């Protein structure tokens, strides 16, 4: 009887390492959900950036591409952190790296909070708008991401903007090379024409 209870107790014991691994997997699952959601949103916003360019709103298009770059950067950093934690948990004794794992888990949580903060500002229509509320929203987005992007990140966003401009240029129809007739050649007033022939015959128009 005692041996049965002893086995049950051994199986149900949960170590600190088990808890850390569980937290890691939960973080990974949340990150994967964010990644799929953000990927769909960024694809939509890239299309909106094209529309803004067509409407001559280059600055707003660039703001969307900066926001996209911000997400790419945060997700890349978080993926590296989570991969590093998983490697540590699998390869090294937990007692030796406990503090490092906890610190990196905290870093992962902070990154997820940053993602959630920007995801709460995902109304693309506000960036397209011209109202006072829309401008306040655009300023909020710009202020939120400006401190997180380096000059290199901004160059990447601007490069993507240039590619969009080039793509739109290729899609525009070519300008005609022939000369169009002038209005004077086409328009003939009623006074320059007269009717000839009896009314029983079809009308024949003759120039006076």
C-alpha atoms as a PDB file:
ATOM      1  CA  UNK A   1       0.000   0.000   0.000  1.00  0.00           C
ATOM      2  CA  UNK A   2       2.808   2.364   0.960  1.00  0.00           C
ATOM      3  CA  UNK A   3       4.654   1.656  -2.284  1.00  0.00           C
ATOM      4  CA  UNK A   4       1.552   2.526  -4.325  1.00  0.00           C
ATOM      5  CA  UNK A   5       1.153   5.924  -2.635  1.00  0.00           C
ATOM      6  CA  UNK A   6       4.874   6.511  -2.964  1.00  0.00           C
ATOM      7  CA  UNK A   7       4.764   6.004  -6.754  1.00  0.00           C
ATOM      8  CA  UNK A   8       1.727   8.271  -7.065  1.00  0.00           C
ATOM      9  CA  UNK A   9       3.494  11.016  -5.131  1.00  0.00           C
ATOM     10  CA  UNK A  10       6.609  10.741  -7.299  1.00  0.00           C
ATOM     11  CA  UNK A  11       4.584  11.041 -10.504  1.00  0.00           C
ATOM     12  CA  UNK A  12       2.639  14.089  -9.321  1.00  0.00           C
ATOM     13  CA  UNK A  13       5.655  16.054  -8.090  1.00  0.00           C
ATOM     14  CA  UNK A  14       6.213  19.262 -10.076  1.00  0.00           C
ATOM     15  CA  UNK A  15       9.663  20.811  -9.980  1.00  0.00           C
ATOM     16  CA  UNK A  16      10.658  24.418 -10.512  1.00  0.00           C
ATOM     17  CA  UNK A  17      12.136  23.340 -13.818  1.00  0.00           C
ATOM     18  CA  UNK A  18       8.765  21.912 -14.893  1.00  0.00           C
ATOM     19  CA  UNK A  19       7.107  25.221 -14.090  1.00  0.00           C
ATOM     20  CA  UNK A  20       9.742  27.142 -16.049  1.00  0.00           C
ATOM     21  CA  UNK A  21       9.314  24.893 -19.082  1.00  0.00           C
ATOM     22  CA  UNK A  22       5.538  25.272 -18.852  1.00  0.00           C
ATOM     23  CA  UNK A  23       5.869  29.070 -18.753  1.00  0.00           C
ATOM     24  CA  UNK A  24       8.165  28.884 -21.747  1.00  0.00           C
ATOM     25  CA  UNK A  25       5.661  26.846 -23.760  1.00  0.00           C
ATOM     26  CA  UNK A  26       2.840  29.189 -22.804  1.00  0.00           C
ATOM     27  CA  UNK A  27       4.918  32.150 -23.940  1.00  0.00           C
ATOM     28  CA  UNK A  28       5.747  30.361 -27.172  1.00  0.00           C
ATOM     29  CA  UNK A  29       2.077  29.632 -27.852  1.00  0.00           C
ATOM     30  CA  UNK A  30       1.073  33.240 -27.195  1.00  0.00           C
ATOM     31  CA  UNK A  31       3.867  34.458 -29.428  1.00  0.00           C
ATOM     32  CA  UNK A  32       2.769  32.148 -32.245  1.00  0.00           C
ATOM     33  CA  UNK A  33      -0.770  33.516 -31.966  1.00  0.00           C
ATOM     34  CA  UNK A  34       0.527  37.084 -32.110  1.00  0.00           C
ATOM     35  CA  UNK A  35       2.761  36.210 -35.066  1.00  0.00           C
ATOM     36  CA  UNK A  36      -0.123  34.855 -37.147  1.00  0.00           C
ATOM     37  CA  UNK A  37      -2.341  37.785 -36.238  1.00  0.00           C
ATOM     38  CA  UNK A  38       0.335  40.370 -36.938  1.00  0.00           C
ATOM     39  CA  UNK A  39       1.254  38.725 -40.256  1.00  0.00           C
ATOM     40  CA  UNK A  40      -2.341  39.093 -41.453  1.00  0.00           C
ATOM     41  CA  UNK A  41      -2.524  42.659 -40.185  1.00  0.00           C
ATOM     42  CA  UNK A  42       0.794  43.696 -41.731  1.00  0.00           C
ATOM     43  CA  UNK A  43      -0.213  42.311 -45.121  1.00  0.00           C
ATOM     44  CA  UNK A  44      -3.399  44.348 -44.948  1.00  0.00           C
ATOM     45  CA  UNK A  45      -1.532  47.474 -43.882  1.00  0.00           C
ATOM     46  CA  UNK A  46       0.933  47.067 -46.746  1.00  0.00           C
ATOM     47  CA  UNK A  47      -2.040  47.140 -49.120  1.00  0.00           C
ATOM     48  CA  UNK A  48      -3.337  50.232 -47.332  1.00  0.00           C
ATOM     49  CA  UNK A  49       0.104  51.834 -47.731  1.00  0.00           C
ATOM     50  CA  UNK A  50      -0.213  51.318 -51.487  1.00  0.00           C
ATOM     51  CA  UNK A  51      -3.615  52.968 -51.432  1.00  0.00           C
ATOM     52  CA  UNK A  52      -2.228  55.908 -49.472  1.00  0.00           C
ATOM     53  CA  UNK A  53       0.551  56.309 -52.025  1.00  0.00           C
ATOM     54  CA  UNK A  54      -2.003  56.374 -54.829  1.00  0.00           C
ATOM     55  CA  UNK A  55      -3.784  59.151 -52.937  1.00  0.00           C
ATOM     56  CA  UNK A  56      -0.560  61.124 -52.598  1.00  0.00           C
ATOM     57  CA  UNK A  57      -0.247  60.523 -48.835  1.00  0.00           C
ATOM     58  CA  UNK A  58       3.367  59.385 -48.726  1.00  0.00           C
ATOM     59  CA  UNK A  59       3.988  60.306 -45.069  1.00  0.00           C
ATOM     60  CA  UNK A  60       1.073  58.192 -43.861  1.00  0.00           C
ATOM     61  CA  UNK A  61       2.228  55.279 -45.995  1.00  0.00           C
ATOM     62  CA  UNK A  62       5.684  55.566 -44.430  1.00  0.00           C
ATOM     63  CA  UNK A  63       4.137  55.578 -40.946  1.00  0.00           C
ATOM     64  CA  UNK A  64       2.449  52.242 -41.680  1.00  0.00           C
ATOM     65  CA  UNK A  65       5.710  50.763 -42.954  1.00  0.00           C
ATOM     66  CA  UNK A  66       7.553  51.995 -39.843  1.00  0.00           C
ATOM     67  CA  UNK A  67       4.921  50.275 -37.734  1.00  0.00           C
ATOM     68  CA  UNK A  68       5.453  47.078 -39.735  1.00  0.00           C
ATOM     69  CA  UNK A  69       9.195  47.295 -39.178  1.00  0.00           C
ATOM     70  CA  UNK A  70       8.622  47.790 -35.448  1.00  0.00           C
ATOM     71  CA  UNK A  71       6.598  44.577 -35.261  1.00  0.00           C
ATOM     72  CA  UNK A  72       9.178  42.655 -37.281  1.00  0.00           C
ATOM     73  CA  UNK A  73      11.915  43.777 -34.923  1.00  0.00           C
ATOM     74  CA  UNK A  74      10.041  42.974 -31.700  1.00  0.00           C
ATOM     75  CA  UNK A  75       8.999  39.537 -32.924  1.00  0.00           C
ATOM     76  CA  UNK A  76      12.518  38.714 -34.078  1.00  0.00           C
ATOM     77  CA  UNK A  77      13.993  39.678 -30.713  1.00  0.00           C
ATOM     78  CA  UNK A  78      11.365  37.717 -28.799  1.00  0.00           C
ATOM     79  CA  UNK A  79      11.856  34.613 -30.926  1.00  0.00           C
ATOM     80  CA  UNK A  80      15.576  34.716 -30.203  1.00  0.00           C
ATOM     81  CA  UNK A  81      14.921  35.068 -26.470  1.00  0.00           C
ATOM     82  CA  UNK A  82      12.517  32.142 -26.381  1.00  0.00           C
ATOM     83  CA  UNK A  83      14.825  29.929 -28.451  1.00  0.00           C
ATOM     84  CA  UNK A  84      17.662  30.758 -26.094  1.00  0.00           C
ATOM     85  CA  UNK A  85      15.578  29.873 -23.039  1.00  0.00           C
ATOM     86  CA  UNK A  86      14.516  26.567 -24.551  1.00  0.00           C
ATOM     87  CA  UNK A  87      18.123  25.695 -25.342  1.00  0.00           C
ATOM     88  CA  UNK A  88      19.195  26.548 -21.802  1.00  0.00           C
ATOM     89  CA  UNK A  89      16.457  24.459 -20.231  1.00  0.00           C
ATOM     90  CA  UNK A  90      17.258  21.455 -22.418  1.00  0.00           C
ATOM     91  CA  UNK A  91      21.053  21.520 -22.245  1.00  0.00           C
ATOM     92  CA  UNK A  92      22.056  22.891 -18.838  1.00  0.00           C
ATOM     93  CA  UNK A  93      21.181  22.010 -15.273  1.00  0.00           C
ATOM     94  CA  UNK A  94      18.345  24.200 -14.051  1.00  0.00           C
ATOM     95  CA  UNK A  95      20.084  25.011 -10.750  1.00  0.00           C
ATOM     96  CA  UNK A  96      22.968  26.660 -12.629  1.00  0.00           C
ATOM     97  CA  UNK A  97      20.859  28.869 -14.858  1.00  0.00           C
ATOM     98  CA  UNK A  98      17.742  29.443 -12.762  1.00  0.00           C
ATOM     99  CA  UNK A  99      18.254  33.189 -12.411  1.00  0.00           C
ATOM    100  CA  UNK A 100      19.090  33.621 -16.105  1.00  0.00           C
ATOM    101  CA  UNK A 101      15.991  31.690 -17.152  1.00  0.00           C
ATOM    102  CA  UNK A 102      13.805  33.814 -14.878  1.00  0.00           C
ATOM    103  CA  UNK A 103      15.340  37.017 -16.239  1.00  0.00           C
ATOM    104  CA  UNK A 104      14.836  35.937 -19.825  1.00  0.00           C
ATOM    105  CA  UNK A 105      11.286  34.884 -19.135  1.00  0.00           C
ATOM    106  CA  UNK A 106      10.722  38.377 -17.782  1.00  0.00           C
ATOM    107  CA  UNK A 107      12.246  39.843 -20.970  1.00  0.00           C
ATOM    108  CA  UNK A 108       9.874  37.713 -23.016  1.00  0.00           C
ATOM    109  CA  UNK A 109       6.922  38.960 -21.001  1.00  0.00           C
ATOM    110  CA  UNK A 110       7.996  42.563 -21.528  1.00  0.00           C
ATOM    111  CA  UNK A 111       8.252  41.999 -25.278  1.00  0.00           C
ATOM    112  CA  UNK A 112       4.772  40.482 -25.363  1.00  0.00           C
ATOM    113  CA  UNK A 113       3.439  43.488 -23.437  1.00  0.00           C
ATOM    114  CA  UNK A 114       4.975  45.812 -26.021  1.00  0.00           C
ATOM    115  CA  UNK A 115       3.345  43.837 -28.827  1.00  0.00           C
ATOM    116  CA  UNK A 116      -0.007  43.958 -27.068  1.00  0.00           C
ATOM    117  CA  UNK A 117       0.370  47.706 -26.531  1.00  0.00           C
ATOM    118  CA  UNK A 118       0.738  48.360 -30.251  1.00  0.00           C
ATOM    119  CA  UNK A 119      -1.842  45.731 -31.209  1.00  0.00           C
ATOM    120  CA  UNK A 120      -4.367  47.810 -29.282  1.00  0.00           C
ATOM    121  CA  UNK A 121      -3.695  50.574 -31.830  1.00  0.00           C
ATOM    122  CA  UNK A 122      -4.384  48.552 -34.960  1.00  0.00           C
ATOM    123  CA  UNK A 123      -7.172  50.604 -36.538  1.00  0.00           C
ATOM    124  CA  UNK A 124      -5.710  51.200 -39.989  1.00  0.00           C
ATOM    125  CA  UNK A 125      -8.652  53.346 -41.045  1.00  0.00           C
ATOM    126  CA  UNK A 126      -7.547  55.940 -38.487  1.00  0.00           C
ATOM    127  CA  UNK A 127      -4.245  56.360 -40.319  1.00  0.00           C
ATOM    128  CA  UNK A 128      -6.140  57.011 -43.544  1.00  0.00           C
ATOM    129  CA  UNK A 129      -8.428  59.573 -41.921  1.00  0.00           C
ATOM    130  CA  UNK A 130      -8.088  63.343 -41.912  1.00  0.00           C
ATOM    131  CA  UNK A 131     -10.072  64.156 -38.745  1.00  0.00           C
ATOM    132  CA  UNK A 132      -8.601  65.550 -35.541  1.00  0.00           C
ATOM    133  CA  UNK A 133      -9.088  62.160 -33.860  1.00  0.00           C
ATOM    134  CA  UNK A 134      -7.314  60.424 -36.742  1.00  0.00           C
ATOM    135  CA  UNK A 135      -4.368  62.818 -36.472  1.00  0.00           C
ATOM    136  CA  UNK A 136      -4.151  62.201 -32.715  1.00  0.00           C
ATOM    137  CA  UNK A 137      -4.105  58.450 -33.380  1.00  0.00           C
ATOM    138  CA  UNK A 138      -1.336  58.841 -35.963  1.00  0.00           C
ATOM    139  CA  UNK A 139       0.719  60.927 -33.520  1.00  0.00           C
ATOM    140  CA  UNK A 140       0.224  58.261 -30.844  1.00  0.00           C
ATOM    141  CA  UNK A 141       1.463  55.503 -33.150  1.00  0.00           C
ATOM    142  CA  UNK A 142       4.443  57.583 -34.266  1.00  0.00           C
ATOM    143  CA  UNK A 143       5.422  58.435 -30.680  1.00  0.00           C
ATOM    144  CA  UNK A 144       5.109  54.809 -29.597  1.00  0.00           C
ATOM    145  CA  UNK A 145       7.351  53.359 -32.279  1.00  0.00           C
ATOM    146  CA  UNK A 146       9.788  56.222 -32.833  1.00  0.00           C
ATOM    147  CA  UNK A 147      11.773  55.454 -29.691  1.00  0.00           C
ATOM    148  CA  UNK A 148      12.124  51.783 -30.664  1.00  0.00           C
ATOM    149  CA  UNK A 149      13.370  52.173 -34.243  1.00  0.00           C
ATOM    150  CA  UNK A 150      16.999  52.840 -35.112  1.00  0.00           C
ATOM    151  CA  UNK A 151      18.101  54.861 -38.126  1.00  0.00           C
ATOM    152  CA  UNK A 152      18.695  51.519 -39.857  1.00  0.00           C
ATOM    153  CA  UNK A 153      15.103  50.453 -39.170  1.00  0.00           C
ATOM    154  CA  UNK A 154      13.803  53.714 -40.619  1.00  0.00           C
ATOM    155  CA  UNK A 155      15.994  53.194 -43.701  1.00  0.00           C
ATOM    156  CA  UNK A 156      14.446  49.745 -44.142  1.00  0.00           C
ATOM    157  CA  UNK A 157      10.929  51.197 -43.879  1.00  0.00           C
ATOM    158  CA  UNK A 158      11.791  53.955 -46.361  1.00  0.00           C
ATOM    159  CA  UNK A 159      13.325  51.389 -48.721  1.00  0.00           C
ATOM    160  CA  UNK A 160      10.100  49.389 -48.620  1.00  0.00           C
ATOM    161  CA  UNK A 161       8.207  52.594 -49.362  1.00  0.00           C
ATOM    162  CA  UNK A 162      10.407  53.192 -52.427  1.00  0.00           C
ATOM    163  CA  UNK A 163       9.694  49.651 -53.620  1.00  0.00           C
ATOM    164  CA  UNK A 164       5.964  50.270 -53.290  1.00  0.00           C
ATOM    165  CA  UNK A 165       6.309  53.497 -55.264  1.00  0.00           C
ATOM    166  CA  UNK A 166       8.215  51.627 -57.986  1.00  0.00           C
ATOM    167  CA  UNK A 167       5.594  48.870 -58.053  1.00  0.00           C
ATOM    168  CA  UNK A 168       2.791  51.382 -58.432  1.00  0.00           C
ATOM    169  CA  UNK A 169       4.719  53.118 -61.207  1.00  0.00           C
ATOM    170  CA  UNK A 170       4.919  49.860 -63.161  1.00  0.00           C
ATOM    171  CA  UNK A 171       1.167  49.344 -62.843  1.00  0.00           C
ATOM    172  CA  UNK A 172       0.222  52.759 -64.219  1.00  0.00           C
ATOM    173  CA  UNK A 173      -0.743  52.881 -67.945  1.00  0.00           C
ATOM    174  CA  UNK A 174       1.773  54.422 -70.316  1.00  0.00           C
ATOM    175  CA  UNK A 175       1.097  57.922 -71.564  1.00  0.00           C
ATOM    176  CA  UNK A 176      -0.080  58.063 -75.212  1.00  0.00           C
ATOM    177  CA  UNK A 177       2.539  59.165 -77.731  1.00  0.00           C
ATOM    178  CA  UNK A 178       0.190  60.400 -80.493  1.00  0.00           C
ATOM    179  CA  UNK A 179      -1.394  63.862 -80.617  1.00  0.00           C
ATOM    180  CA  UNK A 180      -5.058  64.221 -79.782  1.00  0.00           C
ATOM    181  CA  UNK A 181      -7.263  66.288 -82.175  1.00  0.00           C
ATOM    182  CA  UNK A 182      -8.013  69.777 -80.963  1.00  0.00           C
ATOM    183  CA  UNK A 183     -11.488  70.962 -80.142  1.00  0.00           C
ATOM    184  CA  UNK A 184     -11.457  73.310 -83.148  1.00  0.00           C
ATOM    185  CA  UNK A 185     -10.982  70.369 -85.538  1.00  0.00           C
ATOM    186  CA  UNK A 186     -13.885  68.422 -84.095  1.00  0.00           C
ATOM    187  CA  UNK A 187     -16.529  70.971 -83.201  1.00  0.00           C
ATOM    188  CA  UNK A 188     -18.632  72.275 -86.069  1.00  0.00           C
ATOM    189  CA  UNK A 189     -21.376  74.736 -85.276  1.00  0.00           C
ATOM    190  CA  UNK A 190     -24.856  74.489 -86.709  1.00  0.00           C
ATOM    191  CA  UNK A 191     -24.311  77.589 -88.840  1.00  0.00           C
ATOM    192  CA  UNK A 192     -21.679  75.849 -90.987  1.00  0.00           C
ATOM    193  CA  UNK A 193     -24.187  73.259 -92.226  1.00  0.00           C
ATOM    194  CA  UNK A 194     -27.315  73.502 -94.390  1.00  0.00           C
ATOM    195  CA  UNK A 195     -29.937  70.994 -95.443  1.00  0.00           C
ATOM    196  CA  UNK A 196     -30.312  70.180 -99.153  1.00  0.00           C
ATOM    197  CA  UNK A 197     -32.864  68.149-101.063  1.00  0.00           C
ATOM    198  CA  UNK A 198     -36.591  67.770-100.609  1.00  0.00           C
ATOM    199  CA  UNK A 199     -37.966  66.775 -97.255  1.00  0.00           C
ATOM    200  CA  UNK A 200     -39.138  63.461 -98.678  1.00  0.00           C
ATOM    201  CA  UNK A 201     -35.568  62.382 -99.232  1.00  0.00           C
ATOM    202  CA  UNK A 202     -33.069  61.478 -96.565  1.00  0.00           C
ATOM    203  CA  UNK A 203     -31.302  64.453 -95.067  1.00  0.00           C
ATOM    204  CA  UNK A 204     -27.961  65.305 -96.609  1.00  0.00           C
ATOM    205  CA  UNK A 205     -25.690  67.590 -94.692  1.00  0.00           C
ATOM    206  CA  UNK A 206     -23.532  69.933 -96.749  1.00  0.00           C
ATOM    207  CA  UNK A 207     -20.950  72.396 -95.480  1.00  0.00           C
ATOM    208  CA  UNK A 208     -21.769  76.042 -96.390  1.00  0.00           C
END
